[in-house]
Protein backbone atom coordinates (compact mmCIF):
# COMPACT_ATOMS: atom_id res chain seq x y z
CA UNK A 1 0.00 0.00 0.00
CA UNK A 2 1.14 3.52 -0.79
CA UNK A 3 -0.20 6.25 1.48
CA UNK A 4 -0.65 9.89 0.39
CA UNK A 5 -0.39 11.68 3.73
CA UNK A 6 -2.11 14.95 2.85
CA UNK A 7 -5.30 13.37 1.53
CA UNK A 8 -5.26 10.02 3.32
CA UNK A 9 -5.69 8.26 -0.03
CA UNK A 10 -4.13 4.84 -0.54
CA UNK A 11 -2.97 2.96 -3.59
CA UNK A 12 -3.49 -0.72 -2.81
CA UNK A 13 -1.37 -2.92 -5.09
CA UNK A 14 -2.11 -6.59 -5.65
CA UNK A 15 0.68 -8.24 -7.67
CA UNK A 16 -0.06 -11.02 -10.14
CA UNK A 17 2.21 -12.89 -12.54
CA UNK A 18 -0.64 -12.87 -15.06
CA UNK A 19 -4.21 -11.68 -15.42
CA UNK A 20 -7.32 -13.66 -14.54
CA UNK A 21 -10.87 -13.87 -15.84
CA UNK A 22 -14.23 -13.20 -14.21
CA UNK A 23 -14.85 -16.93 -13.75
CA UNK A 24 -11.49 -17.50 -12.05
CA UNK A 25 -11.35 -18.30 -8.34
CA UNK A 26 -8.99 -15.33 -8.01
CA UNK A 27 -11.88 -13.04 -8.92
CA UNK A 28 -13.24 -13.76 -5.44
CA UNK A 29 -10.27 -11.94 -3.96
CA UNK A 30 -10.92 -9.00 -6.29
CA UNK A 31 -14.52 -8.80 -5.07
CA UNK A 32 -13.34 -8.59 -1.48
CA UNK A 33 -10.73 -5.93 -2.24
CA UNK A 34 -13.16 -3.74 -4.16
CA UNK A 35 -15.80 -4.00 -1.42
CA UNK A 36 -13.32 -3.39 1.43
CA UNK A 37 -11.68 -0.54 -0.46
CA UNK A 38 -15.00 1.23 -0.85
CA UNK A 39 -14.95 1.88 2.90
CA UNK A 40 -11.26 2.69 3.50
CA UNK A 41 -11.83 4.22 6.92
CA UNK A 42 -12.99 0.84 8.20
CA UNK A 43 -10.57 -1.25 6.11
CA UNK A 44 -7.44 0.90 6.51
CA UNK A 45 -8.27 3.00 9.59
CA UNK A 46 -7.60 6.25 7.70
CA UNK A 47 -9.63 8.91 6.00
CA UNK A 48 -9.45 9.20 2.21
CA UNK A 49 -10.10 6.92 -0.73
CA UNK A 50 -8.58 3.59 -1.69
CA UNK A 51 -7.60 2.73 -5.26
CA UNK A 52 -7.35 -1.02 -5.90
CA UNK A 53 -4.63 -1.63 -8.50
CA UNK A 54 -3.60 -4.95 -10.02
CA UNK A 55 0.09 -5.06 -10.95
CA UNK A 56 0.81 -7.43 -13.83
CA UNK A 57 2.50 -7.67 -17.26
CA UNK A 58 1.36 -4.92 -19.61
CA UNK A 59 0.04 -7.43 -22.17
CA UNK A 60 -2.57 -8.59 -19.63
CA UNK A 61 -3.80 -5.11 -18.72
CA UNK A 62 -6.76 -4.78 -21.12
CA UNK A 63 -8.32 -8.14 -20.21
CA UNK A 64 -7.67 -7.51 -16.51
CA UNK A 65 -9.44 -4.16 -16.69
CA UNK A 66 -12.38 -5.87 -18.38
CA UNK A 67 -12.49 -8.47 -15.60
CA UNK A 68 -12.43 -5.79 -12.88
CA UNK A 69 -15.29 -3.95 -14.57
CA UNK A 70 -17.34 -7.15 -14.59
CA UNK A 71 -16.56 -7.65 -10.90
CA UNK A 72 -17.56 -4.03 -10.16
CA UNK A 73 -20.89 -4.46 -11.99
CA UNK A 74 -21.64 -7.65 -10.05
CA UNK A 75 -20.83 -5.97 -6.73
CA UNK A 76 -23.01 -2.94 -7.39
CA UNK A 77 -25.87 -5.11 -8.62
CA UNK A 78 -25.69 -6.94 -5.29
CA UNK A 79 -26.08 -3.62 -3.44
CA UNK A 80 -22.46 -2.96 -2.47
CA UNK A 81 -20.24 -0.02 -3.29
CA UNK A 82 -17.01 -0.68 -5.19
CA UNK A 83 -13.68 1.09 -4.75
CA UNK A 84 -11.98 2.89 -7.61
CA UNK A 85 -9.75 0.42 -9.39
CA UNK A 86 -7.28 -0.04 -12.20
CA UNK A 87 -4.02 -1.62 -13.26
CA UNK A 88 -0.29 -1.07 -13.07
CA UNK A 89 1.16 -2.63 -16.20
CA UNK A 90 4.85 -3.57 -16.21
CA UNK A 91 6.92 -3.83 -19.37
CA UNK A 92 10.61 -4.37 -20.11
CA UNK A 93 12.09 -3.22 -23.41
CA UNK A 94 15.52 -2.07 -24.63
CA UNK A 95 15.16 1.17 -22.62
CA UNK A 96 14.46 -0.47 -19.27
CA UNK A 97 11.57 -1.24 -16.93
CA UNK A 98 8.36 0.73 -17.55
CA UNK A 99 5.23 1.03 -15.43
CA UNK A 100 1.89 2.38 -16.60
CA UNK A 101 -0.86 3.24 -14.13
CA UNK A 102 -4.43 3.22 -15.46
CA UNK A 103 -7.79 3.74 -13.75
CA UNK A 104 -11.09 2.37 -15.00
CA UNK A 105 -12.83 5.73 -14.52
CA UNK A 106 -11.61 9.35 -14.78
CA UNK A 107 -10.29 10.86 -11.54
CA UNK A 108 -10.34 14.53 -10.51
CA UNK A 109 -7.73 14.28 -7.76
CA UNK A 110 -4.58 16.06 -8.97
CA UNK A 111 -2.18 13.92 -6.92
CA UNK A 112 -3.62 10.82 -8.56
CA UNK A 113 -3.87 12.26 -12.07
CA UNK A 114 -0.22 13.29 -12.14
CA UNK A 115 1.00 9.70 -11.59
CA UNK A 116 -1.18 8.18 -14.30
CA UNK A 117 0.47 7.09 -17.53
CA UNK A 118 3.72 5.40 -18.51
CA UNK A 119 6.97 6.10 -16.67
CA UNK A 120 10.47 4.62 -16.76
CA UNK A 121 11.11 2.95 -13.41
CA UNK A 122 14.73 1.96 -13.99
CA UNK A 123 16.89 2.12 -17.13
CA UNK A 124 18.46 -0.97 -18.65
CA UNK A 125 22.14 -1.38 -17.86
CA UNK A 126 23.94 -3.83 -20.11
CA UNK A 127 20.61 -5.16 -21.33
CA UNK A 128 19.43 -5.96 -17.79
CA UNK A 129 16.60 -4.03 -16.16
CA UNK A 130 15.24 -4.68 -12.69
CA UNK A 131 12.98 -2.83 -10.25
CA UNK A 132 14.19 -1.01 -7.17
CA UNK A 133 14.08 -3.26 -4.13
CA UNK A 134 13.18 -1.82 -0.72
CA UNK A 135 14.86 -4.93 0.68
CA UNK A 136 17.42 -5.89 -1.96
CA UNK A 137 18.61 -9.12 -0.32
CA UNK A 138 16.46 -11.32 1.89
CA UNK A 139 18.40 -14.16 3.55
CA UNK A 140 15.15 -16.01 4.31
CA UNK A 141 14.38 -16.45 0.59
CA UNK A 142 17.89 -16.48 -0.92
CA UNK A 143 17.79 -20.27 -1.13
CA UNK A 144 15.05 -20.01 -3.76
CA UNK A 145 17.04 -17.68 -6.03
CA UNK A 146 19.34 -18.44 -8.91
CA UNK A 147 23.00 -17.70 -8.16
CA UNK A 148 23.13 -14.66 -10.46
CA UNK A 149 19.97 -13.14 -8.98
CA UNK A 150 21.17 -13.77 -5.44
CA UNK A 151 24.52 -12.12 -6.20
CA UNK A 152 22.77 -9.12 -7.75
CA UNK A 153 20.49 -8.64 -4.74
CA UNK A 154 23.30 -9.02 -2.23
CA UNK A 155 25.43 -6.53 -4.16
CA UNK A 156 22.62 -3.95 -4.05
CA UNK A 157 22.33 -4.31 -0.28
CA UNK A 158 26.10 -4.16 0.12
CA UNK A 159 26.36 -0.93 -1.83
CA UNK A 160 23.61 0.69 0.25
CA UNK A 161 25.27 -0.40 3.50
CA UNK A 162 28.62 1.03 2.37
CA UNK A 163 27.01 4.34 1.40
CA UNK A 164 25.33 4.49 4.80
CA UNK A 165 28.77 4.00 6.41
CA UNK A 166 30.22 6.76 4.22
CA UNK A 167 27.59 9.19 5.53
CA UNK A 168 28.53 8.39 9.12
CA UNK A 169 32.25 8.77 8.45
CA UNK A 170 31.75 11.99 6.52
CA UNK A 171 30.11 13.73 9.50
CA UNK A 172 32.60 12.51 12.13
CA UNK A 173 34.49 15.16 14.08
CA UNK A 174 38.06 13.91 13.82
CA UNK A 175 40.06 12.84 15.67
CA UNK A 176 37.40 10.39 16.75
CA UNK A 177 36.60 6.74 17.31
CA UNK A 178 33.64 6.09 15.00
CA UNK A 179 31.30 3.21 15.78
CA UNK A 180 29.22 1.71 12.95
CA UNK A 181 26.30 -0.37 14.21
CA UNK A 182 24.94 -3.19 12.08
CA UNK A 183 21.38 -2.30 13.07
CA UNK A 184 21.79 1.32 11.95
CA UNK A 185 23.40 0.47 8.63
CA UNK A 186 20.77 -2.14 7.74
CA UNK A 187 17.98 0.22 8.77
CA UNK A 188 19.21 2.89 6.38
CA UNK A 189 19.86 0.37 3.61
CA UNK A 190 16.23 -0.87 3.79
CA UNK A 191 14.53 2.52 4.27
CA UNK A 192 13.66 1.65 7.87
CA UNK A 193 11.94 -1.64 7.02
CA UNK A 194 14.49 -3.72 8.95
CA UNK A 195 13.02 -2.26 12.17
CA UNK A 196 9.91 -4.36 11.56
CA UNK A 197 11.75 -7.39 10.18
CA UNK A 198 11.92 -10.19 12.74
CA UNK A 199 13.87 -12.84 10.77
CA UNK A 200 16.55 -14.51 12.89
CA UNK A 201 18.76 -14.72 9.79
CA UNK A 202 19.30 -10.96 9.98
CA UNK A 203 21.80 -11.38 12.82
CA UNK A 204 24.05 -13.49 10.63
CA UNK A 205 23.61 -11.08 7.73
CA UNK A 206 24.64 -8.06 9.81
CA UNK A 207 27.70 -9.91 11.09
CA UNK A 208 28.68 -10.84 7.54
CA UNK A 209 28.29 -7.27 6.31
CA UNK A 210 30.32 -5.77 9.15
CA UNK A 211 33.02 -8.42 8.96
CA UNK A 212 33.41 -7.81 5.22
CA UNK A 213 33.64 -4.07 5.83
CA UNK A 214 36.30 -4.63 8.51
CA UNK A 215 38.38 -6.71 6.09
CA UNK A 216 38.08 -4.02 3.43
CA UNK A 217 39.01 -1.11 5.70
CA UNK A 218 41.75 -2.68 7.81
CA UNK A 219 44.50 -2.02 5.28
CA UNK A 220 47.15 0.58 4.46
CA UNK A 221 46.50 3.82 6.39
CA UNK A 222 43.90 2.15 8.61
CA UNK A 223 45.79 -1.04 9.43
CA UNK A 224 45.36 -1.74 13.16
CA UNK A 225 42.69 0.97 13.50
CA UNK A 226 39.63 -1.12 12.56
CA UNK A 227 38.06 -3.42 15.16
CA UNK A 228 35.15 -5.78 14.51
CA UNK A 229 32.92 -6.64 17.50
CA UNK A 230 30.08 -8.79 16.06
CA UNK A 231 27.32 -6.15 16.13
CA UNK A 232 29.48 -3.10 15.56
CA UNK A 233 32.59 -1.86 13.82
CA UNK A 234 34.94 0.61 15.51
CA UNK A 235 37.21 2.76 13.34
CA UNK A 236 39.86 4.98 14.91
CA UNK A 237 40.30 8.13 12.85
CA UNK A 238 43.33 10.15 13.91
CA UNK A 239 42.57 12.92 11.43
CA UNK A 240 41.19 13.89 8.05
CA UNK A 241 43.64 11.62 6.26
CA UNK A 242 42.27 8.54 8.00
CA UNK A 243 38.68 9.58 7.40
CA UNK A 244 39.25 10.23 3.70
CA UNK A 245 41.09 6.93 3.34
CA UNK A 246 38.12 5.04 4.85
CA UNK A 247 35.63 6.85 2.60
CA UNK A 248 37.73 6.24 -0.51
CA UNK A 249 38.04 2.53 0.21
CA UNK A 250 34.30 2.13 0.64
CA UNK A 251 33.47 4.10 -2.50
CA UNK A 252 36.04 2.31 -4.63
CA UNK A 253 35.22 -1.18 -3.37
CA UNK A 254 34.80 -3.77 -6.09
CA UNK A 255 31.16 -4.59 -5.41
CA UNK A 256 31.09 -7.53 -7.81
CA UNK A 257 33.92 -9.31 -5.99
CA UNK A 258 32.62 -8.36 -2.57
CA UNK A 259 29.22 -9.80 -3.43
CA UNK A 260 30.75 -13.16 -4.29
CA UNK A 261 32.88 -13.21 -1.15
CA UNK A 262 29.95 -12.11 1.00
CA UNK A 263 27.67 -14.81 -0.34
CA UNK A 264 30.31 -17.47 0.29
CA UNK A 265 30.70 -16.24 3.84
CA UNK A 266 26.95 -16.16 4.33
CA UNK A 267 26.71 -19.87 3.62
CA UNK A 268 29.16 -20.64 6.42
CA UNK A 269 28.19 -17.98 8.93
CA UNK A 270 25.70 -20.07 10.91
CA UNK A 271 28.22 -22.82 11.67
CA UNK A 272 31.13 -20.50 12.39
CA UNK A 273 29.24 -17.76 14.22
CA UNK A 274 30.26 -18.55 17.78
CA UNK A 275 33.88 -19.19 16.86
CA UNK A 276 34.27 -16.05 14.74
CA UNK A 277 32.51 -13.89 17.34
CA UNK A 278 34.82 -15.04 20.09
CA UNK A 279 37.86 -14.45 17.90
CA UNK A 280 36.74 -10.96 16.92
CA UNK A 281 36.13 -9.91 20.52
CA UNK A 282 39.56 -11.21 21.44
Foldseek 3Di string as FASTA:
>chain_A
DDADVVAREEEAEDEDAAADALPDPVVVVLLVCFQCQCCCCVNVVTDHGYEYEYEYAPVRFVRNLVRSVVSQVVQVVVPTHTGWYGYWHWDQDQFAIKIATDTSDDDDDPVVVVRHGIDHQFGDDPSDHDHDALQLADPVCLVVDDPVSNLVSLLLLLLQLLVVVLVQLVPDDPQDKDKAFLVVSNCRSNVNCVVVDDDPLSLLLSQLSQVLLQVQLCDDPQPVQWARQSGMIIGGDHDPVSSVSSNVSSVPPPSSVSSVVSVVCSVCCVVCVVVVNVVRVD
